[in-house]
């Protein structure tokens, strides 16, 4: 029987199995059998009409089935089927570029490489790279590109250093907790290489500023962790004709590619549509191995250097999949989608759009206030718990519950809630919480649709409880 390789994002529904063997004459039959064997994974693969979701790609022996016979593609017993869901150069004028004696010594290991040599090192010094995000992927990216001698690095980020970042964001230190990430990153970069020009942009990368920020740079590197920004980075690069060096991580797995519409497919060719909000957990919810962003980030840095030097074979038209637990790399062939709305034959996207809306993300209420009547503040919940009998529902994972929980809470992880509704006490008011309030909002919606009209969401999750009520409960 053919083997089906299961990505980390779906293993929570397959008892952590990474591969299964299933019967079937074509892709549709095999995936149908997969959904029957693992019903909780069905909605992550198929929509309500039973069609394969647009943000899930299927490869047969590393070939995209969309460019074969789609779900009717026939298979043999020896075939391998991969389910791949969305998780989400050039050079300047070199004639005037010179290297000082100190720089010659610094880059000497490059200069003796025939593929780089003096001409290549000057290309690196003349090049400019914009990195979106100074976090897990942005850390190794900035460090290695600075060490390589990239002349100008642009960093876009608006966050501050948090203790929870330090497990993987190696450009930041304990001493910089609470400081802007851009200042922390810039100080570290200049400590590595004072010859690099570092431009910082302490702002969100949005439809309003993206074109202006990206236009002066040769290459844009996607070091983000959310789907709206991934699609925004892609569209900016397509409209400006620039390469987009892509990387993503989740738990123990990573992806990397180079999307360059002038030479191959773009990100929308691979994932025409984003997954619905909340369907794909973030690294904060699902976790990530600390060294994983280092591995993927270094691969992205390597691709950027290759593009600038014009050497080797960039990951254009190829998607690299990395499994840290199996210590294995696999490569999928990507093709340009003629129906792609931004780089296809009949383009419908000619300017930037509202990417939050495109990804189905509702705008947050002003000043972070709850925007719906089905939410409750942590302080108000604390008062209620003293006066009333509340059914307190924790929809996090068991590993998170072990870190800390609100006393008296019942643990029912969100993914198991649909099959465990009978355990919810509808005779009492129901308050649901998770880490930050996102998963619990989904749980409240499910409960209300199932007849539990009193269900409310703890705004801000257990982090808000820690901030406002009980600081003994650790944040993570």
Protein backbone atom coordinates (compact mmCIF):
# COMPACT_ATOMS: atom_id res chain seq x y z
CA UNK A 1 0.00 0.00 0.00
CA UNK A 2 1.19 3.58 -0.62
CA UNK A 3 2.75 5.50 2.26
CA UNK A 4 1.25 8.80 3.44
CA UNK A 5 3.67 11.15 5.20
CA UNK A 6 1.96 13.24 7.88
CA UNK A 7 3.24 16.75 8.73
CA UNK A 8 3.70 17.86 12.34
CA UNK A 9 0.67 20.14 12.14
CA UNK A 10 -1.61 17.11 11.70
CA UNK A 11 0.07 14.62 14.01
CA UNK A 12 -2.03 15.70 16.98
CA UNK A 13 -4.92 14.01 15.19
CA UNK A 14 -3.00 10.84 14.21
CA UNK A 15 -1.64 9.83 17.64
CA UNK A 16 1.68 11.44 16.67
CA UNK A 17 2.23 9.07 13.76
CA UNK A 18 4.50 10.57 11.10
CA UNK A 19 3.51 8.09 8.37
CA UNK A 20 0.76 5.57 7.65
CA UNK A 21 0.05 3.12 4.86
CA UNK A 22 -3.40 3.31 3.30
CA UNK A 23 -5.10 1.66 0.37
CA UNK A 24 -6.58 3.44 -2.62
CA UNK A 25 -6.41 3.59 -6.40
CA UNK A 26 -5.96 7.35 -6.61
CA UNK A 27 -5.20 10.36 -4.41
CA UNK A 28 -8.86 10.96 -3.57
CA UNK A 29 -9.39 7.42 -2.30
CA UNK A 30 -6.22 7.44 -0.19
CA UNK A 31 -7.02 10.80 1.40
CA UNK A 32 -10.60 9.67 1.94
CA UNK A 33 -9.31 6.62 3.80
CA UNK A 34 -6.96 8.87 5.73
CA UNK A 35 -9.90 11.04 6.85
CA UNK A 36 -11.90 7.96 7.83
CA UNK A 37 -9.05 6.61 9.93
CA UNK A 38 -8.36 10.03 11.51
CA UNK A 39 -11.70 11.88 11.53
CA UNK A 40 -10.40 14.77 13.66
CA UNK A 41 -7.99 15.65 10.84
CA UNK A 42 -10.73 15.78 8.18
CA UNK A 43 -11.56 19.49 8.51
CA UNK A 44 -7.89 20.37 8.21
CA UNK A 45 -7.74 18.66 4.79
CA UNK A 46 -11.23 18.91 3.30
CA UNK A 47 -13.79 21.71 3.25
CA UNK A 48 -17.49 21.22 4.00
CA UNK A 49 -18.11 20.10 0.42
CA UNK A 50 -15.44 17.41 0.64
CA UNK A 51 -12.95 19.22 -1.62
CA UNK A 52 -9.26 19.49 -0.80
CA UNK A 53 -8.59 22.80 0.93
CA UNK A 54 -6.62 25.41 -1.04
CA UNK A 55 -4.04 25.81 1.71
CA UNK A 56 -3.21 22.08 1.65
CA UNK A 57 -1.01 20.70 -1.10
CA UNK A 58 -0.48 17.04 -1.93
CA UNK A 59 2.66 15.68 -3.55
CA UNK A 60 3.01 12.28 -5.17
CA UNK A 61 6.66 11.21 -5.09
CA UNK A 62 7.61 14.90 -4.70
CA UNK A 63 5.44 16.04 -7.65
CA UNK A 64 2.49 18.37 -7.05
CA UNK A 65 -0.71 16.47 -7.97
CA UNK A 66 -2.33 19.73 -9.11
CA UNK A 67 -0.16 19.51 -12.19
CA UNK A 68 -0.99 15.86 -12.77
CA UNK A 69 -4.60 14.64 -12.52
CA UNK A 70 -5.29 16.32 -9.17
CA UNK A 71 -7.22 14.04 -6.80
CA UNK A 72 -7.79 11.56 -9.64
CA UNK A 73 -4.05 10.99 -10.00
CA UNK A 74 -3.51 7.19 -9.97
CA UNK A 75 -1.10 5.69 -7.48
CA UNK A 76 0.89 2.51 -7.02
CA UNK A 77 1.63 0.55 -3.87
CA UNK A 78 5.23 1.82 -3.87
CA UNK A 79 4.29 5.51 -4.09
CA UNK A 80 4.84 8.08 -1.33
CA UNK A 81 2.17 10.74 -0.74
CA UNK A 82 3.07 13.91 1.18
CA UNK A 83 0.50 16.24 2.75
CA UNK A 84 2.00 19.74 2.89
CA UNK A 85 -0.22 22.34 4.60
CA UNK A 86 0.60 26.03 4.91
CA UNK A 87 2.37 26.74 8.23
CA UNK A 88 2.31 30.69 7.13
CA UNK A 89 19.12 39.44 -5.56
CA UNK A 90 20.78 41.67 -7.00
CA UNK A 91 23.75 43.86 -6.46
CA UNK A 92 24.41 47.54 -6.54
CA UNK A 93 27.03 49.43 -8.41
CA UNK A 94 30.27 47.60 -7.57
CA UNK A 95 32.86 49.68 -9.38
CA UNK A 96 33.14 52.08 -6.45
CA UNK A 97 33.15 49.30 -3.83
CA UNK A 98 36.47 48.71 -2.12
CA UNK A 99 37.58 46.51 0.76
CA UNK A 100 39.82 47.87 3.48
CA UNK A 101 42.79 45.80 4.70
CA UNK A 102 40.74 44.91 7.80
CA UNK A 103 37.86 43.73 5.63
CA UNK A 104 40.20 41.68 3.44
CA UNK A 105 41.40 39.88 6.54
CA UNK A 106 37.86 39.53 7.90
CA UNK A 107 36.55 37.95 4.66
CA UNK A 108 39.70 36.06 3.77
CA UNK A 109 37.97 32.66 3.84
CA UNK A 110 35.55 33.99 1.23
CA UNK A 111 38.25 35.61 -0.86
CA UNK A 112 40.08 32.33 -1.43
CA UNK A 113 36.92 30.66 -2.72
CA UNK A 114 36.96 30.90 -6.53
CA UNK A 115 33.15 31.14 -6.52
CA UNK A 116 33.33 34.25 -4.33
CA UNK A 117 36.78 35.86 -4.52
CA UNK A 118 37.23 39.64 -4.49
CA UNK A 119 34.51 40.29 -7.08
CA UNK A 120 31.96 38.26 -5.13
CA UNK A 121 32.79 39.88 -1.81
CA UNK A 122 32.27 43.28 -3.42
CA UNK A 123 28.85 42.07 -4.60
CA UNK A 124 28.00 41.15 -1.03
CA UNK A 125 29.13 44.55 0.22
CA UNK A 126 27.11 46.31 -2.50
CA UNK A 127 23.96 44.28 -1.73
CA UNK A 128 21.03 45.20 0.47
CA UNK A 129 18.66 42.78 2.21
CA UNK A 130 15.44 43.53 4.08
CA UNK A 131 14.55 41.08 6.87
CA UNK A 132 10.95 41.09 8.05
CA UNK A 133 11.01 40.07 11.70
CA UNK A 134 13.83 40.04 14.26
CA UNK A 135 12.69 36.87 16.02
CA UNK A 136 13.43 33.17 15.65
CA UNK A 137 14.22 33.20 11.93
CA UNK A 138 15.41 36.80 11.83
CA UNK A 139 18.09 36.16 14.47
CA UNK A 140 20.31 33.70 12.50
CA UNK A 141 19.48 35.52 9.27
CA UNK A 142 20.78 38.85 10.52
CA UNK A 143 23.79 37.33 12.26
CA UNK A 144 25.06 35.29 9.32
CA UNK A 145 24.31 37.89 6.66
CA UNK A 146 26.18 40.47 8.72
CA UNK A 147 29.11 38.09 9.17
CA UNK A 148 29.11 37.39 5.43
CA UNK A 149 29.56 41.09 4.70
CA UNK A 150 26.20 42.17 3.33
CA UNK A 151 26.58 45.92 2.95
CA UNK A 152 23.15 47.04 4.12
CA UNK A 153 20.67 45.16 6.30
CA UNK A 154 17.16 46.41 6.94
CA UNK A 155 15.23 45.07 9.94
CA UNK A 156 11.48 45.43 10.41
CA UNK A 157 9.99 44.65 13.82
CA UNK A 158 7.87 46.41 16.46
CA UNK A 159 8.16 44.05 19.44
CA UNK A 160 10.23 44.08 22.61
CA UNK A 161 12.46 41.29 23.90
CA UNK A 162 10.62 38.88 26.19
CA UNK A 163 12.11 36.12 28.33
CA UNK A 164 10.17 33.53 26.32
CA UNK A 165 12.06 34.65 23.18
CA UNK A 166 15.47 33.65 24.49
CA UNK A 167 14.99 29.90 23.94
CA UNK A 168 15.39 30.43 20.18
CA UNK A 169 15.95 34.11 19.32
CA UNK A 170 19.68 34.00 19.81
CA UNK A 171 20.37 37.55 18.68
CA UNK A 172 18.85 38.80 21.96
CA UNK A 173 20.17 38.41 25.51
CA UNK A 174 18.82 38.33 29.05
CA UNK A 175 20.17 41.82 29.62
CA UNK A 176 17.96 43.13 26.80
CA UNK A 177 14.64 41.79 28.08
CA UNK A 178 12.11 44.61 27.85
CA UNK A 179 14.10 46.53 25.25
CA UNK A 180 13.03 46.94 21.59
CA UNK A 181 14.10 43.95 19.52
CA UNK A 182 15.49 46.22 16.82
CA UNK A 183 17.90 47.94 19.17
CA UNK A 184 18.97 44.61 20.65
CA UNK A 185 19.49 43.12 17.18
CA UNK A 186 21.33 46.15 15.82
CA UNK A 187 23.77 46.19 18.74
CA UNK A 188 24.50 42.49 18.25
CA UNK A 189 24.95 42.85 14.47
CA UNK A 190 27.38 45.73 14.81
CA UNK A 191 29.26 43.71 17.40
CA UNK A 192 29.70 40.99 14.77
CA UNK A 193 30.57 43.34 11.92
CA UNK A 194 30.88 47.13 12.31
CA UNK A 195 31.22 47.47 8.51
CA UNK A 196 27.53 46.64 7.98
CA UNK A 197 25.01 49.44 7.62
CA UNK A 198 21.95 48.56 9.69
CA UNK A 199 18.62 50.28 9.03
CA UNK A 200 15.83 49.67 11.55
CA UNK A 201 12.10 50.18 11.04
CA UNK A 202 10.21 49.91 14.32
CA UNK A 203 6.77 49.40 12.80
CA UNK A 204 4.42 46.74 11.55
CA UNK A 205 4.95 45.68 7.95
CA UNK A 206 1.60 46.73 6.48
CA UNK A 207 -0.08 47.42 3.16
CA UNK A 208 0.45 51.14 3.82
CA UNK A 209 4.24 51.02 4.23
CA UNK A 210 5.39 47.75 2.65
CA UNK A 211 6.14 49.04 -0.85
CA UNK A 212 8.11 51.98 0.51
CA UNK A 213 10.10 49.80 2.90
CA UNK A 214 10.92 47.02 0.41
CA UNK A 215 11.64 49.08 -2.70
CA UNK A 216 15.23 50.17 -1.80
CA UNK A 217 16.38 46.59 -1.12
CA UNK A 218 17.62 43.88 -3.48
CA UNK A 219 16.17 40.91 -1.57
CA UNK A 220 13.33 40.55 0.93
CA UNK A 221 13.49 37.73 3.48
CA UNK A 222 10.37 36.48 5.20
CA UNK A 223 11.07 35.83 8.87
CA UNK A 224 7.48 36.29 10.02
CA UNK A 225 5.12 34.06 11.96
CA UNK A 226 1.65 34.90 10.64
CA UNK A 227 -0.26 34.42 7.40
CA UNK A 228 -1.34 38.02 6.68
CA UNK A 229 2.29 39.17 6.62
CA UNK A 230 3.40 36.14 4.58
CA UNK A 231 0.91 37.00 1.83
CA UNK A 232 1.84 40.67 2.08
CA UNK A 233 5.56 39.92 1.71
CA UNK A 234 4.81 37.72 -1.29
CA UNK A 235 2.65 40.31 -3.04
CA UNK A 236 5.13 43.13 -2.43
CA UNK A 237 7.92 41.05 -3.91
CA UNK A 238 5.84 40.08 -6.97
CA UNK A 239 4.79 43.68 -7.61
CA UNK A 240 8.37 44.95 -7.20
CA UNK A 241 9.98 42.03 -9.05
CA UNK A 242 12.13 41.04 -6.07
CA UNK A 243 13.01 37.57 -4.72
CA UNK A 244 11.26 36.48 -1.53
CA UNK A 245 13.39 34.12 0.56
CA UNK A 246 10.83 32.13 2.51
CA UNK A 247 11.08 30.12 5.70
CA UNK A 248 8.60 28.75 8.21
CA UNK A 249 8.79 26.59 11.32
CA UNK A 250 6.46 24.57 13.54
CA UNK A 251 7.34 22.22 16.39
CA UNK A 252 10.10 20.03 14.87
CA UNK A 253 9.61 20.80 11.17
CA UNK A 254 10.59 23.60 8.83
CA UNK A 255 10.13 24.76 5.26
CA UNK A 256 12.30 26.91 3.00
CA UNK A 257 12.08 28.14 -0.58
CA UNK A 258 12.75 31.11 -2.83
CA UNK A 259 9.67 32.64 -4.40
CA UNK A 260 10.55 34.84 -7.36
CA UNK A 261 7.71 35.36 -9.79
CA UNK A 262 10.02 36.46 -12.61
CA UNK A 263 11.84 33.13 -12.50
CA UNK A 264 9.37 30.68 -10.94
CA UNK A 265 6.33 30.33 -8.69
CA UNK A 266 5.31 32.68 -5.92
CA UNK A 267 3.90 31.85 -2.48
CA UNK A 268 0.33 32.12 -3.78
CA UNK A 269 1.13 29.47 -6.40
CA UNK A 270 1.82 27.08 -3.53
CA UNK A 271 -0.92 28.27 -1.17
CA UNK A 272 -3.67 30.15 -3.06
CA UNK A 273 -5.64 30.76 0.13
CA UNK A 274 -4.76 30.91 3.82
CA UNK A 275 -6.23 28.50 6.36
CA UNK A 276 -9.15 29.80 8.43
CA UNK A 277 -8.08 31.69 11.57
CA UNK A 278 -7.16 29.33 14.39
CA UNK A 279 -7.01 26.18 12.27
CA UNK A 280 -3.20 26.21 12.14
CA UNK A 281 -1.74 26.79 15.61
CA UNK A 282 1.03 29.29 16.13
CA UNK A 283 4.42 28.42 17.59
CA UNK A 284 3.24 29.97 20.88
CA UNK A 285 0.40 27.44 20.99
CA UNK A 286 2.07 24.43 19.38
CA UNK A 287 5.65 25.01 20.47
CA UNK A 288 8.90 24.98 18.51
CA UNK A 289 12.26 23.29 19.08
CA UNK A 290 14.71 26.04 19.97
CA UNK A 291 17.38 25.11 17.42
CA UNK A 292 14.89 24.72 14.53
CA UNK A 293 14.67 28.42 13.54
CA UNK A 294 18.46 28.49 13.56
CA UNK A 295 18.60 25.71 10.98
CA UNK A 296 15.91 27.17 8.72
CA UNK A 297 17.18 30.73 9.17
CA UNK A 298 20.70 29.71 8.15
CA UNK A 299 19.26 28.02 5.05
CA UNK A 300 17.49 31.28 4.19
CA UNK A 301 20.72 33.21 4.69
CA UNK A 302 22.53 30.76 2.44
CA UNK A 303 19.92 31.26 -0.29
CA UNK A 304 20.26 35.04 -0.05
CA UNK A 305 24.04 34.86 -0.39
CA UNK A 306 23.70 32.57 -3.43
CA UNK A 307 21.27 34.95 -5.07
CA UNK A 308 23.60 37.90 -4.55
CA UNK A 309 26.64 36.05 -5.84
CA UNK A 310 24.74 34.40 -8.69
CA UNK A 311 26.13 30.96 -7.85
CA UNK A 312 24.69 27.54 -7.21
CA UNK A 313 21.07 26.50 -7.61
CA UNK A 314 18.66 28.64 -5.56
CA UNK A 315 15.51 27.07 -4.14
CA UNK A 316 13.41 28.61 -6.91
CA UNK A 317 10.67 26.16 -7.85
CA UNK A 318 11.65 23.88 -4.97
CA UNK A 319 10.24 23.54 -1.46
CA UNK A 320 12.69 22.15 1.09
CA UNK A 321 11.12 20.25 3.99
CA UNK A 322 13.16 19.57 7.12
CA UNK A 323 12.31 17.13 9.91
CA UNK A 324 14.48 17.68 12.99
CA UNK A 325 13.39 14.49 14.74
CA UNK A 326 14.17 12.31 11.74
CA UNK A 327 17.12 14.53 10.75
CA UNK A 328 15.93 14.39 7.15
CA UNK A 329 15.52 16.76 4.25
CA UNK A 330 13.04 16.27 1.45
CA UNK A 331 12.49 18.38 -1.64
CA UNK A 332 9.22 19.07 -3.43
CA UNK A 333 9.05 20.44 -6.97
CA UNK A 334 6.94 23.57 -7.31
CA UNK A 335 5.40 24.93 -10.48
CA UNK A 336 4.03 28.30 -11.44
CA UNK A 337 0.24 28.31 -11.29
CA UNK A 338 -1.18 29.85 -14.49
CA UNK A 339 -4.30 30.76 -12.47
CA UNK A 340 -2.34 32.55 -9.73
CA UNK A 341 -4.14 35.84 -9.02
CA UNK A 342 -0.94 37.88 -8.80
CA UNK A 343 1.66 36.20 -11.03
CA UNK A 344 -0.52 34.10 -13.33
CA UNK A 345 -1.62 34.66 -16.90
CA UNK A 346 -4.71 36.64 -15.93
CA UNK A 347 -3.76 38.69 -12.89
CA UNK A 348 -6.50 40.06 -10.67
CA UNK A 349 -4.27 41.49 -7.93
CA UNK A 350 -2.39 44.59 -9.08
CA UNK A 351 -2.03 46.38 -5.78
CA UNK A 352 -1.79 45.54 -2.11
CA UNK A 353 -4.98 44.53 -0.31
CA UNK A 354 -6.22 44.22 3.28
CA UNK A 355 -4.37 41.07 4.33
CA UNK A 356 -6.00 40.77 7.75
CA UNK A 357 -9.36 40.67 5.99
CA UNK A 358 -8.03 38.28 3.33
CA UNK A 359 -6.97 35.88 6.09
CA UNK A 360 -10.30 36.24 7.86
CA UNK A 361 -8.89 37.99 10.92
CA UNK A 362 -11.26 40.44 12.56
CA UNK A 363 -9.73 43.73 13.74
CA UNK A 364 -9.06 43.98 17.45
CA UNK A 365 -11.18 46.31 19.51
CA UNK A 366 -9.66 49.70 20.31
CA UNK A 367 -7.28 49.74 23.27
CA UNK A 368 -7.51 45.95 23.46
CA UNK A 369 -10.98 46.08 25.02
CA UNK A 370 -13.25 43.10 24.51
CA UNK A 371 -15.24 43.61 21.36
CA UNK A 372 -18.06 41.17 22.16
CA UNK A 373 -20.45 40.49 25.00
CA UNK A 374 -19.20 36.91 25.33
CA UNK A 375 -15.94 37.94 27.04
CA UNK A 376 -15.01 38.54 30.66
CA UNK A 377 -12.04 40.28 32.26
CA UNK A 378 -9.71 38.42 34.63
CA UNK A 379 -10.52 40.63 37.63
CA UNK A 380 -14.25 40.20 37.05
CA UNK A 381 -13.79 36.43 36.82
CA UNK A 382 -11.91 36.42 40.13
CA UNK A 383 -14.88 38.12 41.82
CA UNK A 384 -17.34 35.68 40.20
CA UNK A 385 -15.38 32.65 41.37
CA UNK A 386 -15.69 33.86 44.97
CA UNK A 387 -19.44 34.34 44.74
CA UNK A 388 -20.76 31.81 42.23
CA UNK A 389 -20.33 28.23 41.08
CA UNK A 390 -18.60 28.54 37.71
CA UNK A 391 -17.66 25.79 35.26
CA UNK A 392 -14.11 26.87 34.39
CA UNK A 393 -12.94 25.21 31.16
CA UNK A 394 -9.26 25.10 30.13
CA UNK A 395 -8.89 24.28 26.42
CA UNK A 396 -5.09 24.23 26.29
CA UNK A 397 -2.91 21.17 25.80
CA UNK A 398 -1.90 18.95 28.76
CA UNK A 399 1.71 20.20 28.53
CA UNK A 400 0.49 23.77 29.00
CA UNK A 401 -1.82 22.78 31.85
CA UNK A 402 1.21 21.40 33.70
CA UNK A 403 2.93 24.80 33.50
CA UNK A 404 0.13 26.42 35.46
CA UNK A 405 -3.67 26.57 35.63
CA UNK A 406 -6.45 28.53 37.31
CA UNK A 407 -7.58 26.53 40.37
CA UNK A 408 -10.74 24.48 39.81
CA UNK A 409 -10.42 24.39 36.01
CA UNK A 410 -11.40 21.33 33.95
CA UNK A 411 -8.99 20.48 31.15
CA UNK A 412 -10.52 19.60 27.77
CA UNK A 413 -8.12 20.45 24.91
CA UNK A 414 -9.75 22.36 22.08
CA UNK A 415 -9.18 19.64 19.49
CA UNK A 416 -11.06 17.12 21.64
CA UNK A 417 -13.87 19.45 22.73
CA UNK A 418 -16.32 18.50 19.91
CA UNK A 419 -16.32 14.86 21.06
CA UNK A 420 -16.37 15.72 24.80
CA UNK A 421 -19.19 18.25 25.00
CA UNK A 422 -21.07 15.96 27.38
CA UNK A 423 -18.40 16.68 30.01
CA UNK A 424 -19.26 20.39 30.02
CA UNK A 425 -21.67 21.32 32.83
CA UNK A 426 -24.30 23.45 31.11
CA UNK A 427 -26.23 24.00 34.34
CA UNK A 428 -23.60 26.55 35.42
CA UNK A 429 -22.12 29.61 33.76
CA UNK A 430 -19.19 28.50 31.60
CA UNK A 431 -15.94 30.49 31.42
CA UNK A 432 -13.35 29.25 28.93
CA UNK A 433 -9.68 30.16 28.84
CA UNK A 434 -6.44 29.27 27.04
CA UNK A 435 -3.02 30.92 26.86
CA UNK A 436 -3.99 34.26 25.31
CA UNK A 437 -7.70 34.03 24.46
CA UNK A 438 -7.65 32.90 20.82
CA UNK A 439 -8.32 29.19 21.20
CA UNK A 440 -10.85 29.81 23.94
CA UNK A 441 -12.73 32.20 21.64
CA UNK A 442 -13.08 29.34 19.16
CA UNK A 443 -14.26 27.08 21.98
CA UNK A 444 -16.89 29.62 23.03
CA UNK A 445 -18.18 29.81 19.47
CA UNK A 446 -18.43 26.01 19.34
CA UNK A 447 -20.16 25.83 22.72
CA UNK A 448 -22.70 28.50 21.83
CA UNK A 449 -23.54 26.76 18.56
CA UNK A 450 -24.02 23.56 20.57
CA UNK A 451 -26.53 25.19 22.90
CA UNK A 452 -24.31 26.36 25.77
CA UNK A 453 -25.58 29.96 25.69
CA UNK A 454 -23.81 31.04 28.91
CA UNK A 455 -20.28 30.33 27.63
CA UNK A 456 -17.87 33.27 27.87
CA UNK A 457 -14.22 33.74 26.98
CA UNK A 458 -11.57 34.92 29.44
CA UNK A 459 -10.14 37.94 27.63
CA UNK A 460 -6.36 37.65 27.40
CA UNK A 461 -6.32 34.07 28.67
CA UNK A 462 -4.24 32.80 31.55
CA UNK A 463 -1.65 35.50 30.81
CA UNK A 464 -4.23 38.13 31.75
CA UNK A 465 -5.03 36.12 34.91
CA UNK A 466 -1.33 36.12 35.79
CA UNK A 467 -1.05 39.88 35.17
CA UNK A 468 -4.24 40.96 36.91
CA UNK A 469 -5.03 38.32 39.54
CA UNK A 470 -2.35 35.76 40.42
CA UNK A 471 1.27 36.50 39.38
CA UNK A 472 2.35 33.17 40.86
CA UNK A 473 1.05 31.48 37.70
CA UNK A 474 3.95 31.62 35.23
CA UNK A 475 3.56 33.10 31.74
CA UNK A 476 5.02 31.25 28.77
